[in-house]
Amino acid sequence: MSIRTILFDLDGTLIDTNELISASFAYTFEKYGLVFTDEEILQFNGPPLVDTFRAFVPEQVDEMVATYRKHNMDHHDLYVHAFPHVKSTLQTLQDKGIQIAVVTSKMHKVARHGIEFTELDPYVEHLIALDDVDNAKPHPESVIKAMELLNADPKTTLMVGDNSQDIEAGHNAGIRTAGVEWSHKGKEFLETYKPTYMLADMRDILDLI
């Protein structure tokens, strides 16, 4: 069956926040006496912040999350932009009647700002963020909630993302998945999670509908 609903991850999929995320992690870790290489910091991109920081300074998790989020928000607009062809592709999808939602592990307020700042808000019907659910990806709750809001059929729904949590959440929800080759972690990493499709370019998604 053809795809009628597409759920997108946000960071690293629709908008390029890679440098911002790395800078916020580096700032936070340094403030709490921890130093990691750029390659090591890359591995923290994806899971919820509380899970990452709990592994290192469990007694100060809340403070570390607050530090990260303040740095991230204060510097957001200096770093963030939409990936190539995202806006035009979303416009085409909308013109073809495809339902679009964003499913992210960011907090709703910050994710909404990113969508609006990059001018993608006209194309996004619903935003499901970390504070909209009880369980973060790879749990399927956020994916299922998005489908319920859109009254979407799992057989015609696709989850698109740049990280393992996105692919696993889609699998766990019983829908098709697509990994993006512009993922900061690379095509080979994503392929190990067996997405249904791999997209070399945002416009490739048009071939799937």
N, C-alpha and C. Protein backbone atom coordinates (compact mmCIF):
# COMPACT_ATOMS: atom_id res chain seq x y z
N MET A 1 0.84 -1.20 0.00
CA MET A 1 0.00 0.00 0.00
C MET A 1 0.87 1.25 0.00
N SER A 2 0.39 2.30 -0.65
CA SER A 2 1.18 3.53 -0.71
C SER A 2 1.18 4.23 0.64
N ILE A 3 2.15 5.10 0.82
CA ILE A 3 2.30 5.84 2.08
C ILE A 3 1.40 7.07 2.07
N ARG A 4 0.60 7.21 3.12
CA ARG A 4 -0.30 8.35 3.24
C ARG A 4 0.03 9.25 4.43
N THR A 5 0.82 8.72 5.36
CA THR A 5 1.20 9.46 6.57
C THR A 5 2.69 9.31 6.81
N ILE A 6 3.38 10.41 7.06
CA ILE A 6 4.82 10.35 7.34
C ILE A 6 5.10 11.05 8.66
N LEU A 7 5.77 10.32 9.55
CA LEU A 7 6.19 10.84 10.85
C LEU A 7 7.69 11.08 10.78
N PHE A 8 8.10 12.30 11.01
CA PHE A 8 9.51 12.66 10.94
C PHE A 8 10.07 12.91 12.33
N ASP A 9 11.28 12.41 12.56
CA ASP A 9 12.08 12.92 13.67
C ASP A 9 12.45 14.35 13.30
N LEU A 10 12.90 15.13 14.26
CA LEU A 10 13.23 16.53 13.99
C LEU A 10 14.73 16.76 13.84
N ASP A 11 15.46 16.72 14.96
CA ASP A 11 16.90 16.99 14.93
C ASP A 11 17.64 15.92 14.11
N GLY A 12 18.46 16.38 13.18
CA GLY A 12 19.25 15.45 12.39
C GLY A 12 18.49 14.84 11.24
N THR A 13 17.19 15.12 11.16
CA THR A 13 16.37 14.58 10.08
C THR A 13 15.80 15.70 9.22
N LEU A 14 15.05 16.60 9.84
CA LEU A 14 14.51 17.76 9.13
C LEU A 14 15.39 18.98 9.30
N ILE A 15 15.90 19.17 10.51
CA ILE A 15 16.74 20.36 10.77
C ILE A 15 18.10 19.93 11.29
N ASP A 16 19.11 20.69 10.88
CA ASP A 16 20.49 20.38 11.27
C ASP A 16 20.82 21.07 12.58
N THR A 17 20.80 20.28 13.63
CA THR A 17 21.14 20.78 14.97
C THR A 17 22.40 20.10 15.50
N ASN A 18 23.12 19.41 14.63
CA ASN A 18 24.26 18.61 15.09
C ASN A 18 25.30 19.43 15.83
N GLU A 19 25.70 20.57 15.27
CA GLU A 19 26.72 21.39 15.92
C GLU A 19 26.19 21.96 17.23
N LEU A 20 24.93 22.35 17.24
CA LEU A 20 24.33 22.89 18.45
C LEU A 20 24.30 21.84 19.55
N ILE A 21 23.89 20.63 19.22
CA ILE A 21 23.83 19.55 20.21
C ILE A 21 25.21 19.25 20.76
N SER A 22 26.19 19.13 19.88
CA SER A 22 27.56 18.83 20.33
C SER A 22 28.09 19.94 21.23
N ALA A 23 27.83 21.20 20.86
CA ALA A 23 28.31 22.33 21.66
C ALA A 23 27.63 22.34 23.03
N SER A 24 26.35 22.02 23.08
CA SER A 24 25.62 22.02 24.36
C SER A 24 26.10 20.89 25.26
N PHE A 25 26.37 19.73 24.68
CA PHE A 25 26.91 18.62 25.46
C PHE A 25 28.29 18.98 25.99
N ALA A 26 29.16 19.50 25.13
CA ALA A 26 30.52 19.84 25.54
C ALA A 26 30.50 20.87 26.67
N TYR A 27 29.67 21.89 26.54
CA TYR A 27 29.56 22.93 27.57
C TYR A 27 29.09 22.33 28.90
N THR A 28 28.07 21.49 28.84
CA THR A 28 27.51 20.91 30.06
C THR A 28 28.50 19.97 30.74
N PHE A 29 29.10 19.09 29.97
CA PHE A 29 30.06 18.15 30.55
C PHE A 29 31.25 18.89 31.18
N GLU A 30 31.75 19.91 30.48
CA GLU A 30 32.89 20.66 31.02
C GLU A 30 32.53 21.34 32.33
N LYS A 31 31.31 21.87 32.41
CA LYS A 31 30.87 22.55 33.63
C LYS A 31 30.83 21.60 34.82
N TYR A 32 30.61 20.31 34.54
CA TYR A 32 30.55 19.32 35.62
C TYR A 32 31.81 18.45 35.68
N GLY A 33 32.89 18.96 35.10
CA GLY A 33 34.18 18.32 35.23
C GLY A 33 34.41 17.09 34.37
N LEU A 34 33.67 16.97 33.29
CA LEU A 34 33.82 15.83 32.40
C LEU A 34 34.25 16.30 31.03
N VAL A 35 35.16 15.55 30.42
CA VAL A 35 35.66 15.92 29.09
C VAL A 35 35.54 14.71 28.17
N PHE A 36 34.96 14.92 26.99
CA PHE A 36 34.83 13.86 25.99
C PHE A 36 35.31 14.37 24.65
N THR A 37 35.76 13.46 23.81
CA THR A 37 36.15 13.84 22.45
C THR A 37 34.89 14.11 21.62
N ASP A 38 35.08 14.74 20.48
CA ASP A 38 33.96 15.01 19.59
C ASP A 38 33.28 13.70 19.18
N GLU A 39 34.06 12.68 18.94
CA GLU A 39 33.51 11.38 18.54
C GLU A 39 32.68 10.77 19.66
N GLU A 40 33.15 10.90 20.87
CA GLU A 40 32.40 10.36 22.01
C GLU A 40 31.10 11.12 22.21
N ILE A 41 31.14 12.44 22.07
CA ILE A 41 29.94 13.26 22.25
C ILE A 41 28.90 12.91 21.20
N LEU A 42 29.35 12.55 20.01
CA LEU A 42 28.43 12.16 18.93
C LEU A 42 27.49 11.04 19.36
N GLN A 43 27.99 10.12 20.18
CA GLN A 43 27.20 8.96 20.59
C GLN A 43 26.06 9.34 21.54
N PHE A 44 26.12 10.55 22.11
CA PHE A 44 25.07 10.97 23.04
C PHE A 44 23.89 11.61 22.31
N ASN A 45 24.03 11.81 21.02
CA ASN A 45 22.99 12.44 20.22
C ASN A 45 21.90 11.43 19.92
N GLY A 46 20.72 11.62 20.52
CA GLY A 46 19.61 10.70 20.26
C GLY A 46 18.80 10.34 21.48
N PRO A 47 19.41 9.67 22.46
CA PRO A 47 18.65 9.28 23.66
C PRO A 47 18.21 10.50 24.47
N PRO A 48 17.19 10.35 25.31
CA PRO A 48 16.79 11.46 26.19
C PRO A 48 17.95 11.93 27.06
N LEU A 49 18.02 13.23 27.30
CA LEU A 49 19.13 13.81 28.07
C LEU A 49 19.28 13.16 29.44
N VAL A 50 18.16 12.93 30.10
CA VAL A 50 18.23 12.40 31.47
C VAL A 50 18.92 11.04 31.49
N ASP A 51 18.72 10.24 30.46
CA ASP A 51 19.38 8.93 30.40
C ASP A 51 20.89 9.08 30.20
N THR A 52 21.27 10.03 29.37
CA THR A 52 22.70 10.25 29.11
C THR A 52 23.41 10.75 30.36
N PHE A 53 22.88 11.79 30.99
CA PHE A 53 23.56 12.40 32.13
C PHE A 53 23.52 11.50 33.38
N ARG A 54 22.47 10.72 33.51
CA ARG A 54 22.38 9.83 34.67
C ARG A 54 23.54 8.84 34.71
N ALA A 55 24.06 8.47 33.55
CA ALA A 55 25.14 7.50 33.48
C ALA A 55 26.46 8.06 34.02
N PHE A 56 26.57 9.38 34.13
CA PHE A 56 27.83 9.98 34.54
C PHE A 56 27.76 10.67 35.90
N VAL A 57 26.75 11.48 36.12
CA VAL A 57 26.62 12.20 37.39
C VAL A 57 25.18 12.04 37.88
N PRO A 58 24.83 10.85 38.35
CA PRO A 58 23.42 10.57 38.68
C PRO A 58 22.82 11.49 39.73
N GLU A 59 23.67 12.00 40.64
CA GLU A 59 23.14 12.85 41.71
C GLU A 59 22.85 14.28 41.24
N GLN A 60 23.27 14.62 40.01
CA GLN A 60 23.04 15.98 39.51
C GLN A 60 22.37 15.98 38.14
N VAL A 61 21.59 14.97 37.88
CA VAL A 61 20.95 14.84 36.57
C VAL A 61 20.09 16.05 36.23
N ASP A 62 19.24 16.45 37.14
CA ASP A 62 18.32 17.56 36.86
C ASP A 62 19.08 18.84 36.55
N GLU A 63 20.14 19.10 37.31
CA GLU A 63 20.93 20.32 37.08
C GLU A 63 21.63 20.27 35.72
N MET A 64 22.13 19.09 35.36
CA MET A 64 22.81 18.95 34.06
C MET A 64 21.84 19.13 32.90
N VAL A 65 20.65 18.57 33.04
CA VAL A 65 19.64 18.73 31.99
C VAL A 65 19.27 20.20 31.83
N ALA A 66 19.10 20.89 32.95
CA ALA A 66 18.76 22.31 32.91
C ALA A 66 19.88 23.13 32.26
N THR A 67 21.13 22.81 32.60
CA THR A 67 22.29 23.50 32.02
C THR A 67 22.33 23.29 30.51
N TYR A 68 22.15 22.05 30.08
CA TYR A 68 22.16 21.72 28.65
C TYR A 68 21.06 22.48 27.92
N ARG A 69 19.86 22.44 28.47
CA ARG A 69 18.72 23.05 27.77
C ARG A 69 18.86 24.56 27.68
N LYS A 70 19.41 25.19 28.71
CA LYS A 70 19.59 26.65 28.66
C LYS A 70 20.61 27.01 27.59
N HIS A 71 21.73 26.29 27.56
CA HIS A 71 22.75 26.56 26.53
C HIS A 71 22.17 26.31 25.15
N ASN A 72 21.44 25.23 25.01
CA ASN A 72 20.87 24.86 23.72
C ASN A 72 19.90 25.92 23.21
N MET A 73 19.04 26.40 24.10
CA MET A 73 18.06 27.40 23.69
C MET A 73 18.71 28.75 23.44
N ASP A 74 19.67 29.14 24.28
CA ASP A 74 20.34 30.43 24.13
C ASP A 74 21.09 30.54 22.81
N HIS A 75 21.60 29.39 22.31
CA HIS A 75 22.43 29.41 21.10
C HIS A 75 21.73 28.82 19.89
N HIS A 76 20.48 28.43 20.05
CA HIS A 76 19.74 27.72 19.01
C HIS A 76 19.80 28.41 17.65
N ASP A 77 19.44 29.67 17.60
CA ASP A 77 19.27 30.35 16.32
C ASP A 77 20.60 30.64 15.62
N LEU A 78 21.70 30.52 16.33
CA LEU A 78 23.01 30.74 15.72
C LEU A 78 23.45 29.55 14.88
N TYR A 79 22.92 28.36 15.20
CA TYR A 79 23.39 27.14 14.57
C TYR A 79 22.38 26.49 13.61
N VAL A 80 21.11 26.59 13.93
CA VAL A 80 20.12 25.69 13.33
C VAL A 80 19.60 26.16 11.98
N HIS A 81 19.46 25.20 11.06
CA HIS A 81 18.84 25.46 9.76
C HIS A 81 18.26 24.15 9.24
N ALA A 82 17.33 24.26 8.30
CA ALA A 82 16.75 23.06 7.70
C ALA A 82 17.76 22.41 6.76
N PHE A 83 17.73 21.10 6.66
CA PHE A 83 18.58 20.40 5.71
C PHE A 83 18.14 20.72 4.28
N PRO A 84 19.04 20.50 3.30
CA PRO A 84 18.68 20.79 1.90
C PRO A 84 17.42 20.06 1.45
N HIS A 85 16.58 20.79 0.73
CA HIS A 85 15.37 20.25 0.07
C HIS A 85 14.26 19.84 1.04
N VAL A 86 14.43 20.11 2.33
CA VAL A 86 13.40 19.72 3.29
C VAL A 86 12.12 20.51 3.05
N LYS A 87 12.23 21.82 2.99
CA LYS A 87 11.03 22.65 2.87
C LYS A 87 10.27 22.35 1.59
N SER A 88 10.98 22.28 0.48
CA SER A 88 10.30 22.03 -0.80
C SER A 88 9.68 20.64 -0.84
N THR A 89 10.34 19.67 -0.21
CA THR A 89 9.79 18.31 -0.18
C THR A 89 8.54 18.24 0.68
N LEU A 90 8.57 18.89 1.83
CA LEU A 90 7.38 18.91 2.68
C LEU A 90 6.22 19.61 1.97
N GLN A 91 6.53 20.65 1.21
CA GLN A 91 5.49 21.34 0.45
C GLN A 91 4.87 20.40 -0.58
N THR A 92 5.71 19.63 -1.26
CA THR A 92 5.20 18.67 -2.26
C THR A 92 4.36 17.59 -1.60
N LEU A 93 4.84 17.09 -0.46
CA LEU A 93 4.07 16.07 0.26
C LEU A 93 2.70 16.62 0.67
N GLN A 94 2.69 17.83 1.17
CA GLN A 94 1.43 18.46 1.58
C GLN A 94 0.50 18.63 0.38
N ASP A 95 1.06 19.06 -0.75
CA ASP A 95 0.26 19.25 -1.96
C ASP A 95 -0.37 17.94 -2.43
N LYS A 96 0.30 16.82 -2.14
CA LYS A 96 -0.19 15.51 -2.54
C LYS A 96 -1.11 14.89 -1.49
N GLY A 97 -1.40 15.63 -0.43
CA GLY A 97 -2.33 15.16 0.58
C GLY A 97 -1.74 14.23 1.61
N ILE A 98 -0.41 14.20 1.71
CA ILE A 98 0.25 13.34 2.71
C ILE A 98 0.16 14.01 4.08
N GLN A 99 -0.24 13.25 5.09
CA GLN A 99 -0.28 13.76 6.45
C GLN A 99 1.14 13.77 7.03
N ILE A 100 1.49 14.84 7.75
CA ILE A 100 2.85 15.00 8.27
C ILE A 100 2.80 15.34 9.75
N ALA A 101 3.60 14.63 10.53
CA ALA A 101 3.77 14.95 11.95
C ALA A 101 5.23 14.82 12.32
N VAL A 102 5.62 15.47 13.39
CA VAL A 102 6.98 15.36 13.92
C VAL A 102 6.91 14.62 15.24
N VAL A 103 7.80 13.62 15.39
CA VAL A 103 7.89 12.83 16.62
C VAL A 103 9.34 12.95 17.10
N THR A 104 9.54 13.62 18.22
CA THR A 104 10.89 13.95 18.67
C THR A 104 11.11 13.65 20.14
N SER A 105 12.37 13.52 20.51
CA SER A 105 12.73 13.33 21.92
C SER A 105 13.10 14.65 22.58
N LYS A 106 12.89 15.76 21.88
CA LYS A 106 13.08 17.08 22.49
C LYS A 106 11.83 17.47 23.26
N MET A 107 11.98 18.46 24.13
CA MET A 107 10.83 19.02 24.82
C MET A 107 9.99 19.82 23.83
N HIS A 108 8.69 19.87 24.09
CA HIS A 108 7.75 20.44 23.11
C HIS A 108 8.08 21.90 22.78
N LYS A 109 8.34 22.70 23.79
CA LYS A 109 8.59 24.13 23.56
C LYS A 109 9.79 24.36 22.66
N VAL A 110 10.86 23.63 22.91
CA VAL A 110 12.09 23.80 22.12
C VAL A 110 11.90 23.27 20.71
N ALA A 111 11.23 22.12 20.60
CA ALA A 111 10.97 21.53 19.28
C ALA A 111 10.09 22.47 18.46
N ARG A 112 9.07 23.03 19.09
CA ARG A 112 8.18 23.96 18.38
C ARG A 112 8.96 25.17 17.88
N HIS A 113 9.86 25.67 18.71
CA HIS A 113 10.67 26.82 18.29
C HIS A 113 11.51 26.45 17.06
N GLY A 114 12.11 25.26 17.07
CA GLY A 114 12.93 24.83 15.94
C GLY A 114 12.12 24.72 14.66
N ILE A 115 10.91 24.20 14.76
CA ILE A 115 10.04 24.06 13.60
C ILE A 115 9.66 25.44 13.05
N GLU A 116 9.32 26.35 13.96
CA GLU A 116 8.91 27.68 13.52
C GLU A 116 10.09 28.49 12.99
N PHE A 117 11.24 28.38 13.66
CA PHE A 117 12.42 29.15 13.24
C PHE A 117 12.86 28.76 11.83
N THR A 118 12.74 27.47 11.50
CA THR A 118 13.14 26.99 10.17
C THR A 118 11.98 27.04 9.17
N GLU A 119 10.87 27.62 9.60
CA GLU A 119 9.70 27.86 8.74
C GLU A 119 9.09 26.57 8.19
N LEU A 120 9.09 25.53 9.02
CA LEU A 120 8.48 24.27 8.62
C LEU A 120 7.09 24.08 9.22
N ASP A 121 6.68 25.01 10.07
CA ASP A 121 5.40 24.86 10.76
C ASP A 121 4.17 24.77 9.85
N PRO A 122 4.16 25.37 8.65
CA PRO A 122 2.96 25.22 7.82
C PRO A 122 2.71 23.78 7.36
N TYR A 123 3.74 22.94 7.46
CA TYR A 123 3.62 21.58 6.92
C TYR A 123 3.40 20.52 8.00
N VAL A 124 3.58 20.90 9.26
CA VAL A 124 3.52 19.93 10.36
C VAL A 124 2.14 20.00 11.03
N GLU A 125 1.37 18.94 10.90
CA GLU A 125 0.01 18.92 11.47
C GLU A 125 0.03 18.69 12.98
N HIS A 126 0.95 17.86 13.44
CA HIS A 126 1.04 17.58 14.87
C HIS A 126 2.50 17.43 15.27
N LEU A 127 2.80 17.81 16.51
CA LEU A 127 4.12 17.63 17.10
C LEU A 127 3.96 16.80 18.37
N ILE A 128 4.65 15.67 18.41
CA ILE A 128 4.68 14.83 19.60
C ILE A 128 6.09 14.89 20.15
N ALA A 129 6.24 15.51 21.32
CA ALA A 129 7.56 15.72 21.92
C ALA A 129 7.71 14.86 23.18
N LEU A 130 8.87 14.96 23.79
CA LEU A 130 9.18 14.13 24.95
C LEU A 130 8.19 14.33 26.08
N ASP A 131 7.80 15.57 26.32
CA ASP A 131 6.89 15.84 27.43
C ASP A 131 5.42 15.63 27.07
N ASP A 132 5.16 15.09 25.89
CA ASP A 132 3.80 14.75 25.49
C ASP A 132 3.49 13.27 25.73
N VAL A 133 4.50 12.51 26.13
CA VAL A 133 4.34 11.06 26.33
C VAL A 133 5.01 10.64 27.63
N ASP A 134 4.73 9.41 28.04
CA ASP A 134 5.38 8.85 29.24
C ASP A 134 6.65 8.10 28.90
N ASN A 135 6.74 7.62 27.65
CA ASN A 135 7.88 6.78 27.25
C ASN A 135 8.53 7.33 25.99
N ALA A 136 9.83 7.57 26.07
CA ALA A 136 10.57 8.09 24.92
C ALA A 136 10.83 6.98 23.90
N LYS A 137 11.11 7.40 22.65
CA LYS A 137 11.60 6.44 21.66
C LYS A 137 12.85 5.75 22.22
N PRO A 138 13.03 4.46 21.99
CA PRO A 138 12.40 3.59 21.00
C PRO A 138 11.06 2.98 21.39
N HIS A 139 10.54 3.32 22.55
CA HIS A 139 9.19 2.88 22.87
C HIS A 139 8.25 3.44 21.80
N PRO A 140 7.23 2.70 21.39
CA PRO A 140 6.37 3.16 20.29
C PRO A 140 5.30 4.17 20.68
N GLU A 141 5.24 4.57 21.96
CA GLU A 141 4.13 5.43 22.41
C GLU A 141 3.98 6.69 21.57
N SER A 142 5.07 7.41 21.31
CA SER A 142 4.97 8.67 20.58
C SER A 142 4.52 8.45 19.14
N VAL A 143 4.98 7.37 18.54
CA VAL A 143 4.58 7.04 17.17
C VAL A 143 3.10 6.70 17.12
N ILE A 144 2.66 5.89 18.06
CA ILE A 144 1.25 5.50 18.12
C ILE A 144 0.37 6.71 18.39
N LYS A 145 0.81 7.60 19.28
CA LYS A 145 0.03 8.80 19.58
C LYS A 145 -0.13 9.68 18.34
N ALA A 146 0.96 9.83 17.59
CA ALA A 146 0.89 10.62 16.36
C ALA A 146 -0.10 10.02 15.37
N MET A 147 -0.07 8.69 15.22
CA MET A 147 -1.00 8.04 14.31
C MET A 147 -2.44 8.21 14.77
N GLU A 148 -2.66 8.16 16.07
CA GLU A 148 -4.02 8.34 16.60
C GLU A 148 -4.53 9.75 16.31
N LEU A 149 -3.67 10.76 16.49
CA LEU A 149 -4.07 12.14 16.24
C LEU A 149 -4.41 12.36 14.77
N LEU A 150 -3.72 11.64 13.90
CA LEU A 150 -3.93 11.79 12.46
C LEU A 150 -4.94 10.78 11.91
N ASN A 151 -5.43 9.90 12.79
CA ASN A 151 -6.32 8.82 12.37
C ASN A 151 -5.67 8.02 11.23
N ALA A 152 -4.39 7.73 11.40
CA ALA A 152 -3.60 7.10 10.35
C ALA A 152 -3.65 5.58 10.44
N ASP A 153 -3.54 4.95 9.29
CA ASP A 153 -3.47 3.50 9.18
C ASP A 153 -1.99 3.08 9.28
N PRO A 154 -1.64 2.21 10.23
CA PRO A 154 -0.24 1.76 10.32
C PRO A 154 0.30 1.20 9.01
N LYS A 155 -0.56 0.61 8.20
CA LYS A 155 -0.11 0.02 6.93
C LYS A 155 0.33 1.07 5.92
N THR A 156 -0.10 2.30 6.11
CA THR A 156 0.28 3.36 5.16
C THR A 156 1.06 4.48 5.85
N THR A 157 1.70 4.15 6.97
CA THR A 157 2.45 5.14 7.75
C THR A 157 3.94 4.83 7.72
N LEU A 158 4.76 5.86 7.63
CA LEU A 158 6.21 5.72 7.56
C LEU A 158 6.84 6.59 8.65
N MET A 159 7.82 6.02 9.37
CA MET A 159 8.62 6.78 10.34
C MET A 159 9.99 7.05 9.74
N VAL A 160 10.41 8.31 9.72
CA VAL A 160 11.68 8.72 9.13
C VAL A 160 12.58 9.32 10.20
N GLY A 161 13.83 8.84 10.28
CA GLY A 161 14.71 9.39 11.30
C GLY A 161 16.18 9.16 11.02
N ASP A 162 16.99 9.80 11.84
CA ASP A 162 18.45 9.74 11.66
C ASP A 162 19.14 8.92 12.74
N ASN A 163 18.37 8.32 13.65
CA ASN A 163 18.99 7.61 14.75
C ASN A 163 18.31 6.27 14.99
N SER A 164 18.99 5.43 15.75
CA SER A 164 18.47 4.09 16.01
C SER A 164 17.12 4.13 16.71
N GLN A 165 16.94 5.10 17.63
CA GLN A 165 15.68 5.19 18.37
C GLN A 165 14.49 5.41 17.44
N ASP A 166 14.71 6.15 16.35
CA ASP A 166 13.62 6.40 15.40
C ASP A 166 13.22 5.12 14.67
N ILE A 167 14.22 4.40 14.21
CA ILE A 167 13.97 3.17 13.46
C ILE A 167 13.32 2.13 14.37
N GLU A 168 13.84 1.99 15.58
CA GLU A 168 13.29 1.00 16.50
C GLU A 168 11.87 1.37 16.93
N ALA A 169 11.60 2.66 17.13
CA ALA A 169 10.25 3.09 17.50
C ALA A 169 9.26 2.74 16.40
N GLY A 170 9.68 2.95 15.15
CA GLY A 170 8.83 2.58 14.03
C GLY A 170 8.58 1.09 13.97
N HIS A 171 9.65 0.31 14.12
CA HIS A 171 9.51 -1.15 14.14
C HIS A 171 8.58 -1.57 15.26
N ASN A 172 8.77 -0.99 16.43
CA ASN A 172 7.96 -1.38 17.60
C ASN A 172 6.49 -1.00 17.44
N ALA A 173 6.23 -0.01 16.60
CA ALA A 173 4.85 0.39 16.34
C ALA A 173 4.24 -0.36 15.16
N GLY A 174 5.05 -1.19 14.52
CA GLY A 174 4.56 -2.00 13.41
C GLY A 174 4.39 -1.27 12.10
N ILE A 175 5.21 -0.21 11.88
CA ILE A 175 5.11 0.54 10.62
C ILE A 175 6.43 0.49 9.87
N ARG A 176 6.37 0.94 8.62
CA ARG A 176 7.60 1.02 7.83
C ARG A 176 8.49 2.16 8.31
N THR A 177 9.77 2.04 8.03
CA THR A 177 10.73 3.03 8.51
C THR A 177 11.69 3.43 7.40
N ALA A 178 12.26 4.61 7.55
CA ALA A 178 13.28 5.09 6.61
C ALA A 178 14.38 5.79 7.39
N GLY A 179 15.62 5.41 7.11
CA GLY A 179 16.77 6.09 7.68
C GLY A 179 17.29 7.12 6.70
N VAL A 180 17.90 8.18 7.22
CA VAL A 180 18.43 9.23 6.35
C VAL A 180 19.96 9.13 6.32
N GLU A 181 20.50 9.15 5.13
CA GLU A 181 21.95 8.98 4.97
C GLU A 181 22.73 10.19 5.42
N TRP A 182 22.06 11.32 5.64
CA TRP A 182 22.76 12.50 6.17
C TRP A 182 22.84 12.46 7.70
N SER A 183 22.47 11.34 8.27
CA SER A 183 22.60 11.15 9.72
C SER A 183 24.03 11.42 10.17
N HIS A 184 24.15 12.10 11.31
CA HIS A 184 25.46 12.40 11.87
C HIS A 184 26.23 11.12 12.19
N LYS A 185 25.51 10.04 12.47
CA LYS A 185 26.16 8.77 12.81
C LYS A 185 26.46 7.92 11.59
N GLY A 186 25.95 8.31 10.43
CA GLY A 186 26.32 7.65 9.20
C GLY A 186 25.36 6.56 8.73
N LYS A 187 25.39 6.33 7.43
CA LYS A 187 24.52 5.36 6.79
C LYS A 187 24.73 3.96 7.33
N GLU A 188 25.99 3.56 7.48
CA GLU A 188 26.29 2.19 7.92
C GLU A 188 25.73 1.91 9.30
N PHE A 189 25.80 2.89 10.18
CA PHE A 189 25.25 2.72 11.53
C PHE A 189 23.75 2.47 11.46
N LEU A 190 23.04 3.29 10.71
CA LEU A 190 21.59 3.15 10.62
C LEU A 190 21.18 1.83 9.98
N GLU A 191 21.93 1.39 8.99
CA GLU A 191 21.57 0.16 8.28
C GLU A 191 21.59 -1.05 9.20
N THR A 192 22.34 -1.00 10.28
CA THR A 192 22.36 -2.14 11.20
C THR A 192 21.02 -2.31 11.91
N TYR A 193 20.18 -1.28 11.90
CA TYR A 193 18.85 -1.36 12.53
C TYR A 193 17.75 -1.74 11.53
N LYS A 194 18.17 -2.02 10.31
CA LYS A 194 17.29 -2.56 9.27
C LYS A 194 16.04 -1.71 8.98
N PRO A 195 16.26 -0.44 8.62
CA PRO A 195 15.11 0.35 8.18
C PRO A 195 14.55 -0.22 6.87
N THR A 196 13.28 0.01 6.63
CA THR A 196 12.67 -0.47 5.39
C THR A 196 13.31 0.20 4.18
N TYR A 197 13.63 1.47 4.31
CA TYR A 197 14.23 2.25 3.23
C TYR A 197 15.40 3.07 3.77
N MET A 198 16.29 3.47 2.86
CA MET A 198 17.32 4.47 3.18
C MET A 198 17.18 5.60 2.19
N LEU A 199 17.23 6.83 2.70
CA LEU A 199 17.10 8.02 1.86
C LEU A 199 18.44 8.72 1.73
N ALA A 200 18.94 8.83 0.51
CA ALA A 200 20.20 9.53 0.27
C ALA A 200 19.98 11.04 0.20
N ASP A 201 18.77 11.43 -0.12
CA ASP A 201 18.39 12.83 -0.32
C ASP A 201 16.95 12.96 0.15
N MET A 202 16.61 14.09 0.74
CA MET A 202 15.24 14.28 1.22
C MET A 202 14.21 14.04 0.12
N ARG A 203 14.55 14.41 -1.11
CA ARG A 203 13.60 14.28 -2.20
C ARG A 203 13.31 12.82 -2.55
N ASP A 204 14.16 11.89 -2.09
CA ASP A 204 13.94 10.47 -2.37
C ASP A 204 12.61 9.97 -1.78
N ILE A 205 12.14 10.66 -0.74
CA ILE A 205 10.90 10.22 -0.10
C ILE A 205 9.72 10.35 -1.04
N LEU A 206 9.83 11.21 -2.04
CA LEU A 206 8.74 11.39 -3.01
C LEU A 206 8.55 10.13 -3.85
N ASP A 207 9.60 9.34 -4.00
CA ASP A 207 9.49 8.10 -4.77
C ASP A 207 8.71 7.03 -4.03
N LEU A 208 8.52 7.23 -2.71
CA LEU A 208 7.86 6.22 -1.90
C LEU A 208 6.35 6.41 -1.82
N ILE A 209 5.86 7.54 -2.33
CA ILE A 209 4.43 7.82 -2.22
C ILE A 209 3.72 7.66 -3.55
